[in-house]
C-alpha atoms as a PDB file:
ATOM      1  CA  UNK A   1      92.865  17.249 -96.165  1.00  0.00           C
ATOM      2  CA  UNK A   2      89.243  18.106 -96.477  1.00  0.00           C
ATOM      3  CA  UNK A   3      87.933  21.440 -97.739  1.00  0.00           C
ATOM      4  CA  UNK A   4      89.811  24.284 -95.918  1.00  0.00           C
ATOM      5  CA  UNK A   5      90.471  27.980 -96.452  1.00  0.00           C
ATOM      6  CA  UNK A   6      93.611  30.057 -96.161  1.00  0.00           C
ATOM      7  CA  UNK A   7      94.257  33.808 -96.324  1.00  0.00           C
ATOM      8  CA  UNK A   8      97.135  33.771 -98.924  1.00  0.00           C
ATOM      9  CA  UNK A   9      99.875  36.469 -98.707  1.00  0.00           C
ATOM     10  CA  UNK A  10     102.557  37.396-101.155  1.00  0.00           C
ATOM     11  CA  UNK A  11     105.073  35.024 -99.628  1.00  0.00           C
ATOM     12  CA  UNK A  12     104.465  31.563-101.059  1.00  0.00           C
ATOM     13  CA  UNK A  13     106.501  29.788 -98.393  1.00  0.00           C
ATOM     14  CA  UNK A  14     103.962  30.976 -95.851  1.00  0.00           C
ATOM     15  CA  UNK A  15     101.133  29.403 -97.705  1.00  0.00           C
ATOM     16  CA  UNK A  16     102.040  25.715 -98.180  1.00  0.00           C
ATOM     17  CA  UNK A  17      98.807  23.741 -98.621  1.00  0.00           C
ATOM     18  CA  UNK A  18     100.208  20.371 -99.539  1.00  0.00           C
ATOM     19  CA  UNK A  19     103.664  19.383 -98.159  1.00  0.00           C
ATOM     20  CA  UNK A  20     106.336  17.353 -99.847  1.00  0.00           C
ATOM     21  CA  UNK A  21     105.031  13.900-100.292  1.00  0.00           C
ATOM     22  CA  UNK A  22     106.388  10.379-100.096  1.00  0.00           C
ATOM     23  CA  UNK A  23     105.974   9.729-103.858  1.00  0.00           C
ATOM     24  CA  UNK A  24     102.205   9.105-103.653  1.00  0.00           C
ATOM     25  CA  UNK A  25      99.881  10.773-106.107  1.00  0.00           C
ATOM     26  CA  UNK A  26      97.539  13.425-104.689  1.00  0.00           C
ATOM     27  CA  UNK A  27      94.648  15.279-106.261  1.00  0.00           C
ATOM     28  CA  UNK A  28      94.571  18.952-105.344  1.00  0.00           C
ATOM     29  CA  UNK A  29      91.638  21.431-105.612  1.00  0.00           C
ATOM     30  CA  UNK A  30      92.211  25.195-105.302  1.00  0.00           C
ATOM     31  CA  UNK A  31      89.702  28.099-105.710  1.00  0.00           C
ATOM     32  CA  UNK A  32      90.240  31.767-105.772  1.00  0.00           C
ATOM     33  CA  UNK A  33      87.257  33.060-103.670  1.00  0.00           C
ATOM     34  CA  UNK A  34      87.503  36.641-104.976  1.00  0.00           C
ATOM     35  CA  UNK A  35      87.689  37.941-101.445  1.00  0.00           C
ATOM     36  CA  UNK A  36      90.350  38.990 -99.004  1.00  0.00           C
ATOM     37  CA  UNK A  37      90.532  38.196 -95.276  1.00  0.00           C
ATOM     38  CA  UNK A  38      88.063  41.099 -94.407  1.00  0.00           C
ATOM     39  CA  UNK A  39      85.535  39.916 -96.973  1.00  0.00           C
ATOM     40  CA  UNK A  40      86.243  42.679 -99.485  1.00  0.00           C
ATOM     41  CA  UNK A  41      86.355  41.833-103.189  1.00  0.00           C
ATOM     42  CA  UNK A  42      89.739  41.385-104.898  1.00  0.00           C
ATOM     43  CA  UNK A  43      90.771  40.858-108.478  1.00  0.00           C
ATOM     44  CA  UNK A  44      94.466  40.137-108.107  1.00  0.00           C
ATOM     45  CA  UNK A  45      95.822  36.855-109.289  1.00  0.00           C
ATOM     46  CA  UNK A  46      96.322  33.735-107.114  1.00  0.00           C
ATOM     47  CA  UNK A  47      99.473  31.806-108.165  1.00  0.00           C
ATOM     48  CA  UNK A  48      99.725  28.065-107.751  1.00  0.00           C
ATOM     49  CA  UNK A  49     103.323  27.040-107.151  1.00  0.00           C
ATOM     50  CA  UNK A  50     105.658  24.168-106.450  1.00  0.00           C
ATOM     51  CA  UNK A  51     107.443  24.693-103.100  1.00  0.00           C
ATOM     52  CA  UNK A  52     110.525  26.550-104.210  1.00  0.00           C
ATOM     53  CA  UNK A  53     108.471  29.283-105.944  1.00  0.00           C
ATOM     54  CA  UNK A  54     107.961  27.654-109.267  1.00  0.00           C
ATOM     55  CA  UNK A  55     104.641  29.006-110.626  1.00  0.00           C
ATOM     56  CA  UNK A  56     102.700  26.529-112.758  1.00  0.00           C
ATOM     57  CA  UNK A  57      99.188  27.965-112.488  1.00  0.00           C
ATOM     58  CA  UNK A  58      97.316  31.215-112.058  1.00  0.00           C
ATOM     59  CA  UNK A  59      93.747  31.843-111.023  1.00  0.00           C
ATOM     60  CA  UNK A  60      91.622  34.896-111.452  1.00  0.00           C
ATOM     61  CA  UNK A  61      88.765  35.646-108.978  1.00  0.00           C
ATOM     62  CA  UNK A  62      86.204  32.810-108.872  1.00  0.00           C
ATOM     63  CA  UNK A  63      88.241  30.458-110.892  1.00  0.00           C
ATOM     64  CA  UNK A  64      89.374  26.993-109.682  1.00  0.00           C
ATOM     65  CA  UNK A  65      91.752  24.192-110.520  1.00  0.00           C
ATOM     66  CA  UNK A  66      91.801  20.501-109.922  1.00  0.00           C
ATOM     67  CA  UNK A  67      94.986  18.641-110.718  1.00  0.00           C
ATOM     68  CA  UNK A  68      97.087  15.617-109.842  1.00  0.00           C
ATOM     69  CA  UNK A  69     100.542  16.067-108.316  1.00  0.00           C
ATOM     70  CA  UNK A  70     103.023  13.944-106.400  1.00  0.00           C
ATOM     71  CA  UNK A  71     106.635  13.080-105.891  1.00  0.00           C
ATOM     72  CA  UNK A  72     109.063  13.615-103.079  1.00  0.00           C
ATOM     73  CA  UNK A  73     110.819  16.774-104.222  1.00  0.00           C
ATOM     74  CA  UNK A  74     108.030  19.452-103.987  1.00  0.00           C
ATOM     75  CA  UNK A  75     104.833  20.305-102.324  1.00  0.00           C
ATOM     76  CA  UNK A  76     102.199  22.881-103.307  1.00  0.00           C
ATOM     77  CA  UNK A  77     102.052  26.462-102.179  1.00  0.00           C
ATOM     78  CA  UNK A  78      99.840  29.529-103.036  1.00  0.00           C
ATOM     79  CA  UNK A  79     100.929  33.119-103.507  1.00  0.00           C
ATOM     80  CA  UNK A  80      98.884  36.313-103.905  1.00  0.00           C
ATOM     81  CA  UNK A  81     100.109  38.628-106.666  1.00  0.00           C
ATOM     82  CA  UNK A  82      99.404  41.518-104.177  1.00  0.00           C
ATOM     83  CA  UNK A  83      97.630  41.943-100.852  1.00  0.00           C
ATOM     84  CA  UNK A  84      95.809  38.856 -99.531  1.00  0.00           C
ATOM     85  CA  UNK A  85      93.429  36.389-101.167  1.00  0.00           C
ATOM     86  CA  UNK A  86      91.211  33.898 -99.377  1.00  0.00           C
ATOM     87  CA  UNK A  87      91.551  30.583-101.207  1.00  0.00           C
ATOM     88  CA  UNK A  88      89.719  27.281-100.752  1.00  0.00           C
ATOM     89  CA  UNK A  89      91.739  24.066-101.061  1.00  0.00           C
ATOM     90  CA  UNK A  90      91.716  20.417-100.493  1.00  0.00           C
ATOM     91  CA  UNK A  91      93.840  17.391-101.450  1.00  0.00           C
ATOM     92  CA  UNK A  92      93.194  13.776-101.582  1.00  0.00           C
ATOM     93  CA  UNK A  93      95.428  10.700-101.799  1.00  0.00           C
ATOM     94  CA  UNK A  94      95.043   8.389-104.751  1.00  0.00           C
ATOM     95  CA  UNK A  95      93.580   5.063-103.660  1.00  0.00           C
END
């Protein structure tokens, strides 16, 4: 999936950016834009989670992460600590 944006809410299951996989390795990029859906500045934390609500990363405004993931059990979802956060994301399949 190429570079996309999503308005992330406080319900991680509503913000799945990379679904469960078939065991392939994926490289995932996520960036906290520091904005909400209306364009206002936000400073709340963006959680990066495995589907099933297991937090493994947190981003502050303007921070980003790039990491490998894979396996059939979980995908990747995002969750705002409060309000909404616009996040950029992309993922790529390992060749």
